[in-house]
Amino acid sequence: MALGDSLGQLAATLSNIVHTRLELASVELEEELARFSSGLLWSLTALFFAGIAVLLAILTVVATFWDTHRYQVLLGLLSLFSFLSIAIFVWLRQRLRKRPGFLAYSLAELKKDSEALRGGSDPAKE
């Protein structure tokens, strides 16, 4: 009976470990989805500003031939939207480079579990 109890406790422990790791993986997947959708939104915003910059560049060429100083205003707006577009692209690029690997935390925890089950380390100390 003692062997059966030990095997039952081992099965319960392994089940709890798997459950905990799946919850962690679920949270990481939700975070990755949030990062992806945010990145997509900012990419579309940057593309919008880039489109405005191109439109204003075309209007600036046309306005250059007008008699007044209207093209200076268009150049100012062109500069503003160009700056915004470049700033968002640079920010997004840095953000994507700094993100953790896919399921990095879940994989690290599974590695710790594997080492603990082999007797390689004590998970309580970490």
N, C-alpha and C. Protein backbone atom coordinates (compact mmCIF):
# COMPACT_ATOMS: atom_id res chain seq x y z
N MET A 1 0.81 -1.19 0.00
CA MET A 1 0.00 0.00 0.00
C MET A 1 0.86 1.27 0.00
N ALA A 2 2.00 1.23 0.65
CA ALA A 2 2.87 2.39 0.72
C ALA A 2 3.38 2.76 -0.67
N LEU A 3 3.65 1.75 -1.50
CA LEU A 3 4.11 2.01 -2.87
C LEU A 3 2.99 2.67 -3.67
N GLY A 4 1.76 2.21 -3.47
CA GLY A 4 0.62 2.80 -4.15
C GLY A 4 0.41 4.25 -3.74
N ASP A 5 0.57 4.54 -2.45
CA ASP A 5 0.44 5.92 -1.98
C ASP A 5 1.53 6.80 -2.57
N SER A 6 2.76 6.27 -2.61
CA SER A 6 3.88 7.04 -3.16
C SER A 6 3.65 7.33 -4.64
N LEU A 7 3.19 6.30 -5.37
CA LEU A 7 2.93 6.51 -6.79
C LEU A 7 1.78 7.50 -6.99
N GLY A 8 0.77 7.45 -6.12
CA GLY A 8 -0.34 8.41 -6.20
C GLY A 8 0.13 9.82 -5.93
N GLN A 9 1.00 9.98 -4.94
CA GLN A 9 1.53 11.32 -4.63
C GLN A 9 2.41 11.82 -5.77
N LEU A 10 3.21 10.90 -6.36
CA LEU A 10 4.06 11.28 -7.48
C LEU A 10 3.19 11.71 -8.66
N ALA A 11 2.14 10.96 -8.94
CA ALA A 11 1.24 11.32 -10.05
C ALA A 11 0.57 12.67 -9.78
N ALA A 12 0.14 12.89 -8.52
CA ALA A 12 -0.49 14.16 -8.18
C ALA A 12 0.51 15.31 -8.33
N THR A 13 1.74 15.10 -7.89
CA THR A 13 2.78 16.13 -8.01
C THR A 13 3.06 16.44 -9.48
N LEU A 14 3.22 15.40 -10.28
CA LEU A 14 3.47 15.61 -11.71
C LEU A 14 2.29 16.31 -12.38
N SER A 15 1.08 15.94 -11.98
CA SER A 15 -0.10 16.60 -12.52
C SER A 15 -0.12 18.08 -12.15
N ASN A 16 0.22 18.39 -10.91
CA ASN A 16 0.28 19.80 -10.48
C ASN A 16 1.36 20.56 -11.23
N ILE A 17 2.49 19.92 -11.46
CA ILE A 17 3.58 20.57 -12.20
C ILE A 17 3.13 20.88 -13.62
N VAL A 18 2.53 19.90 -14.27
CA VAL A 18 2.06 20.10 -15.65
C VAL A 18 0.99 21.19 -15.69
N HIS A 19 0.08 21.17 -14.71
CA HIS A 19 -0.98 22.18 -14.66
C HIS A 19 -0.39 23.58 -14.50
N THR A 20 0.57 23.72 -13.60
CA THR A 20 1.20 25.02 -13.37
C THR A 20 1.93 25.50 -14.62
N ARG A 21 2.63 24.61 -15.27
CA ARG A 21 3.39 24.99 -16.47
C ARG A 21 2.46 25.35 -17.62
N LEU A 22 1.34 24.65 -17.73
CA LEU A 22 0.38 25.00 -18.77
C LEU A 22 -0.25 26.36 -18.50
N GLU A 23 -0.50 26.67 -17.23
CA GLU A 23 -1.01 28.00 -16.90
C GLU A 23 0.00 29.08 -17.27
N LEU A 24 1.27 28.81 -16.98
CA LEU A 24 2.33 29.77 -17.33
C LEU A 24 2.41 29.94 -18.84
N ALA A 25 2.33 28.83 -19.58
CA ALA A 25 2.36 28.91 -21.04
C ALA A 25 1.16 29.70 -21.56
N SER A 26 0.01 29.51 -20.94
CA SER A 26 -1.18 30.24 -21.34
C SER A 26 -1.00 31.74 -21.13
N VAL A 27 -0.46 32.12 -19.98
CA VAL A 27 -0.23 33.53 -19.70
C VAL A 27 0.77 34.11 -20.70
N GLU A 28 1.82 33.35 -20.99
CA GLU A 28 2.82 33.84 -21.96
C GLU A 28 2.21 33.99 -23.35
N LEU A 29 1.34 33.07 -23.74
CA LEU A 29 0.70 33.19 -25.05
C LEU A 29 -0.19 34.43 -25.11
N GLU A 30 -0.90 34.71 -24.03
CA GLU A 30 -1.73 35.91 -23.98
C GLU A 30 -0.88 37.17 -24.06
N GLU A 31 0.26 37.18 -23.35
CA GLU A 31 1.15 38.34 -23.40
C GLU A 31 1.73 38.52 -24.80
N GLU A 32 2.09 37.41 -25.43
CA GLU A 32 2.64 37.49 -26.78
C GLU A 32 1.60 38.01 -27.76
N LEU A 33 0.37 37.59 -27.60
CA LEU A 33 -0.72 38.08 -28.45
C LEU A 33 -0.93 39.58 -28.24
N ALA A 34 -0.86 40.02 -26.99
CA ALA A 34 -1.00 41.45 -26.70
C ALA A 34 0.14 42.25 -27.32
N ARG A 35 1.37 41.73 -27.21
CA ARG A 35 2.52 42.41 -27.82
C ARG A 35 2.38 42.46 -29.33
N PHE A 36 1.93 41.36 -29.91
CA PHE A 36 1.78 41.31 -31.36
C PHE A 36 0.73 42.30 -31.84
N SER A 37 -0.42 42.32 -31.18
CA SER A 37 -1.48 43.23 -31.62
C SER A 37 -1.07 44.68 -31.41
N SER A 38 -0.35 44.96 -30.33
CA SER A 38 0.14 46.32 -30.10
C SER A 38 1.14 46.71 -31.18
N GLY A 39 2.05 45.79 -31.49
CA GLY A 39 3.03 46.06 -32.55
C GLY A 39 2.37 46.27 -33.90
N LEU A 40 1.34 45.50 -34.16
CA LEU A 40 0.61 45.65 -35.42
C LEU A 40 -0.07 47.02 -35.48
N LEU A 41 -0.69 47.42 -34.38
CA LEU A 41 -1.35 48.73 -34.34
C LEU A 41 -0.34 49.86 -34.57
N TRP A 42 0.80 49.79 -33.88
CA TRP A 42 1.81 50.85 -34.05
C TRP A 42 2.41 50.82 -35.45
N SER A 43 2.55 49.64 -36.04
CA SER A 43 3.06 49.56 -37.41
C SER A 43 2.09 50.23 -38.38
N LEU A 44 0.81 49.96 -38.19
CA LEU A 44 -0.18 50.60 -39.05
C LEU A 44 -0.20 52.11 -38.85
N THR A 45 -0.01 52.56 -37.62
CA THR A 45 0.06 54.00 -37.35
C THR A 45 1.25 54.61 -38.07
N ALA A 46 2.39 53.94 -37.99
CA ALA A 46 3.59 54.44 -38.67
C ALA A 46 3.38 54.47 -40.18
N LEU A 47 2.75 53.46 -40.72
CA LEU A 47 2.47 53.44 -42.15
C LEU A 47 1.52 54.56 -42.55
N PHE A 48 0.56 54.85 -41.69
CA PHE A 48 -0.35 55.96 -41.94
C PHE A 48 0.42 57.27 -42.04
N PHE A 49 1.30 57.51 -41.06
CA PHE A 49 2.08 58.74 -41.07
C PHE A 49 3.03 58.78 -42.28
N ALA A 50 3.58 57.64 -42.66
CA ALA A 50 4.43 57.60 -43.85
C ALA A 50 3.61 57.95 -45.10
N GLY A 51 2.39 57.46 -45.17
CA GLY A 51 1.52 57.79 -46.30
C GLY A 51 1.20 59.27 -46.35
N ILE A 52 0.96 59.85 -45.18
CA ILE A 52 0.70 61.30 -45.12
C ILE A 52 1.95 62.06 -45.58
N ALA A 53 3.13 61.58 -45.18
CA ALA A 53 4.37 62.26 -45.58
C ALA A 53 4.54 62.24 -47.09
N VAL A 54 4.24 61.13 -47.72
CA VAL A 54 4.33 61.04 -49.18
C VAL A 54 3.32 61.98 -49.83
N LEU A 55 2.10 61.97 -49.31
CA LEU A 55 1.08 62.88 -49.85
C LEU A 55 1.51 64.33 -49.72
N LEU A 56 2.03 64.68 -48.56
CA LEU A 56 2.47 66.07 -48.36
C LEU A 56 3.69 66.41 -49.21
N ALA A 57 4.54 65.44 -49.47
CA ALA A 57 5.69 65.69 -50.36
C ALA A 57 5.21 66.02 -51.77
N ILE A 58 4.22 65.32 -52.22
CA ILE A 58 3.65 65.60 -53.55
C ILE A 58 3.01 66.98 -53.58
N LEU A 59 2.24 67.26 -52.53
CA LEU A 59 1.60 68.59 -52.46
C LEU A 59 2.65 69.70 -52.36
N THR A 60 3.77 69.41 -51.71
CA THR A 60 4.84 70.41 -51.58
C THR A 60 5.44 70.74 -52.94
N VAL A 61 5.61 69.73 -53.75
CA VAL A 61 6.14 69.97 -55.10
C VAL A 61 5.18 70.85 -55.90
N VAL A 62 3.90 70.57 -55.78
CA VAL A 62 2.89 71.38 -56.47
C VAL A 62 2.86 72.79 -55.90
N ALA A 63 2.90 72.87 -54.58
CA ALA A 63 2.79 74.18 -53.92
C ALA A 63 4.03 75.05 -54.15
N THR A 64 5.14 74.42 -54.48
CA THR A 64 6.37 75.18 -54.75
C THR A 64 6.17 76.18 -55.88
N PHE A 65 5.31 75.87 -56.80
CA PHE A 65 5.11 76.74 -57.95
C PHE A 65 4.03 77.81 -57.73
N TRP A 66 3.41 77.79 -56.52
CA TRP A 66 2.42 78.81 -56.23
C TRP A 66 3.11 80.13 -55.91
N ASP A 67 2.35 81.22 -55.95
CA ASP A 67 2.92 82.55 -55.75
C ASP A 67 3.19 82.89 -54.29
N THR A 68 2.51 82.25 -53.35
CA THR A 68 2.68 82.60 -51.93
C THR A 68 3.59 81.60 -51.23
N HIS A 69 3.65 81.68 -49.90
CA HIS A 69 4.52 80.81 -49.10
C HIS A 69 3.78 79.58 -48.57
N ARG A 70 2.81 79.11 -49.26
CA ARG A 70 2.04 77.95 -48.79
C ARG A 70 2.89 76.70 -48.66
N TYR A 71 3.89 76.57 -49.46
CA TYR A 71 4.70 75.36 -49.42
C TYR A 71 5.51 75.26 -48.13
N GLN A 72 5.77 76.38 -47.47
CA GLN A 72 6.50 76.31 -46.20
C GLN A 72 5.66 75.61 -45.13
N VAL A 73 4.37 75.87 -45.13
CA VAL A 73 3.48 75.18 -44.20
C VAL A 73 3.44 73.69 -44.54
N LEU A 74 3.34 73.38 -45.81
CA LEU A 74 3.33 71.98 -46.22
C LEU A 74 4.65 71.29 -45.87
N LEU A 75 5.75 72.01 -46.03
CA LEU A 75 7.05 71.43 -45.64
C LEU A 75 7.11 71.18 -44.14
N GLY A 76 6.54 72.07 -43.36
CA GLY A 76 6.50 71.87 -41.91
C GLY A 76 5.69 70.64 -41.54
N LEU A 77 4.51 70.50 -42.18
CA LEU A 77 3.69 69.31 -41.92
C LEU A 77 4.37 68.04 -42.42
N LEU A 78 5.02 68.13 -43.56
CA LEU A 78 5.77 67.00 -44.08
C LEU A 78 6.86 66.58 -43.10
N SER A 79 7.57 67.55 -42.56
CA SER A 79 8.62 67.25 -41.59
C SER A 79 8.04 66.60 -40.33
N LEU A 80 6.93 67.13 -39.86
CA LEU A 80 6.29 66.58 -38.66
C LEU A 80 5.88 65.13 -38.85
N PHE A 81 5.16 64.83 -39.93
CA PHE A 81 4.70 63.46 -40.16
C PHE A 81 5.85 62.52 -40.47
N SER A 82 6.86 63.02 -41.16
CA SER A 82 8.04 62.19 -41.42
C SER A 82 8.75 61.85 -40.11
N PHE A 83 8.91 62.84 -39.25
CA PHE A 83 9.54 62.58 -37.95
C PHE A 83 8.74 61.57 -37.14
N LEU A 84 7.42 61.73 -37.09
CA LEU A 84 6.59 60.80 -36.35
C LEU A 84 6.70 59.38 -36.89
N SER A 85 6.70 59.25 -38.19
CA SER A 85 6.82 57.94 -38.82
C SER A 85 8.16 57.28 -38.49
N ILE A 86 9.23 58.01 -38.63
CA ILE A 86 10.56 57.46 -38.34
C ILE A 86 10.70 57.14 -36.86
N ALA A 87 10.20 58.01 -35.99
CA ALA A 87 10.30 57.76 -34.55
C ALA A 87 9.55 56.49 -34.15
N ILE A 88 8.37 56.28 -34.70
CA ILE A 88 7.60 55.08 -34.37
C ILE A 88 8.29 53.83 -34.91
N PHE A 89 8.83 53.89 -36.12
CA PHE A 89 9.55 52.73 -36.66
C PHE A 89 10.77 52.38 -35.81
N VAL A 90 11.53 53.38 -35.40
CA VAL A 90 12.71 53.13 -34.57
C VAL A 90 12.30 52.56 -33.22
N TRP A 91 11.27 53.13 -32.61
CA TRP A 91 10.79 52.63 -31.31
C TRP A 91 10.31 51.19 -31.42
N LEU A 92 9.55 50.89 -32.47
CA LEU A 92 9.03 49.55 -32.67
C LEU A 92 10.15 48.54 -32.91
N ARG A 93 11.13 48.93 -33.67
CA ARG A 93 12.28 48.05 -33.94
C ARG A 93 13.03 47.72 -32.65
N GLN A 94 13.26 48.72 -31.82
CA GLN A 94 13.93 48.48 -30.54
C GLN A 94 13.07 47.60 -29.64
N ARG A 95 11.79 47.82 -29.63
CA ARG A 95 10.88 47.04 -28.80
C ARG A 95 10.88 45.57 -29.22
N LEU A 96 10.88 45.32 -30.52
CA LEU A 96 10.89 43.95 -31.01
C LEU A 96 12.21 43.24 -30.72
N ARG A 97 13.30 43.97 -30.71
CA ARG A 97 14.60 43.36 -30.40
C ARG A 97 14.74 43.01 -28.92
N LYS A 98 14.05 43.74 -28.04
CA LYS A 98 14.17 43.53 -26.61
C LYS A 98 13.22 42.48 -26.06
N ARG A 99 12.27 42.03 -26.84
CA ARG A 99 11.26 41.12 -26.30
C ARG A 99 11.88 39.76 -25.99
N PRO A 100 11.34 39.08 -24.99
CA PRO A 100 11.85 37.75 -24.65
C PRO A 100 11.48 36.74 -25.72
N GLY A 101 12.20 35.63 -25.76
CA GLY A 101 11.90 34.58 -26.72
C GLY A 101 10.53 33.98 -26.47
N PHE A 102 9.99 33.31 -27.47
CA PHE A 102 8.66 32.72 -27.39
C PHE A 102 8.65 31.62 -26.34
N LEU A 103 7.76 31.75 -25.34
CA LEU A 103 7.61 30.81 -24.22
C LEU A 103 8.89 30.63 -23.42
N ALA A 104 9.70 31.66 -23.34
CA ALA A 104 10.99 31.57 -22.65
C ALA A 104 10.82 31.19 -21.18
N TYR A 105 9.86 31.79 -20.51
CA TYR A 105 9.68 31.52 -19.09
C TYR A 105 9.17 30.10 -18.85
N SER A 106 8.26 29.65 -19.69
CA SER A 106 7.75 28.28 -19.57
C SER A 106 8.86 27.26 -19.81
N LEU A 107 9.68 27.51 -20.82
CA LEU A 107 10.77 26.59 -21.11
C LEU A 107 11.80 26.57 -19.98
N ALA A 108 12.06 27.72 -19.38
CA ALA A 108 13.00 27.77 -18.25
C ALA A 108 12.45 26.99 -17.06
N GLU A 109 11.17 27.15 -16.80
CA GLU A 109 10.56 26.42 -15.67
C GLU A 109 10.54 24.92 -15.94
N LEU A 110 10.27 24.52 -17.16
CA LEU A 110 10.30 23.09 -17.48
C LEU A 110 11.71 22.53 -17.36
N LYS A 111 12.70 23.31 -17.70
CA LYS A 111 14.09 22.86 -17.54
C LYS A 111 14.43 22.69 -16.06
N LYS A 112 13.98 23.64 -15.23
CA LYS A 112 14.20 23.52 -13.79
C LYS A 112 13.52 22.26 -13.25
N ASP A 113 12.29 22.01 -13.71
CA ASP A 113 11.56 20.82 -13.26
C ASP A 113 12.29 19.55 -13.65
N SER A 114 12.78 19.53 -14.88
CA SER A 114 13.49 18.35 -15.36
C SER A 114 14.76 18.10 -14.54
N GLU A 115 15.49 19.17 -14.25
CA GLU A 115 16.71 19.04 -13.44
C GLU A 115 16.37 18.60 -12.02
N ALA A 116 15.28 19.12 -11.47
CA ALA A 116 14.89 18.75 -10.11
C ALA A 116 14.48 17.28 -10.05
N LEU A 117 13.77 16.82 -11.06
CA LEU A 117 13.36 15.42 -11.08
C LEU A 117 14.54 14.47 -11.26
N ARG A 118 15.58 14.94 -11.92
CA ARG A 118 16.80 14.13 -12.07
C ARG A 118 17.71 14.25 -10.86
N GLY A 119 17.38 15.17 -9.96
CA GLY A 119 18.21 15.38 -8.78
C GLY A 119 19.35 16.33 -9.02
N GLY A 120 19.26 17.15 -10.10
CA GLY A 120 20.34 18.06 -10.46
C GLY A 120 20.35 19.33 -9.62
N SER A 121 19.18 19.79 -9.17
CA SER A 121 19.13 21.02 -8.37
C SER A 121 17.90 20.97 -7.50
N ASP A 122 17.89 21.82 -6.50
CA ASP A 122 16.76 21.91 -5.59
C ASP A 122 15.91 23.10 -6.00
N PRO A 123 14.67 22.90 -6.51
CA PRO A 123 13.85 24.04 -6.98
C PRO A 123 13.47 24.99 -5.88
N ALA A 124 13.51 24.54 -4.62
CA ALA A 124 13.15 25.43 -3.51
C ALA A 124 14.19 26.51 -3.30
N LYS A 125 15.44 26.23 -3.69
CA LYS A 125 16.52 27.22 -3.52
C LYS A 125 16.48 28.30 -4.57
N GLU A 126 15.81 28.05 -5.70
CA GLU A 126 15.82 29.01 -6.81
C GLU A 126 14.68 29.94 -6.73
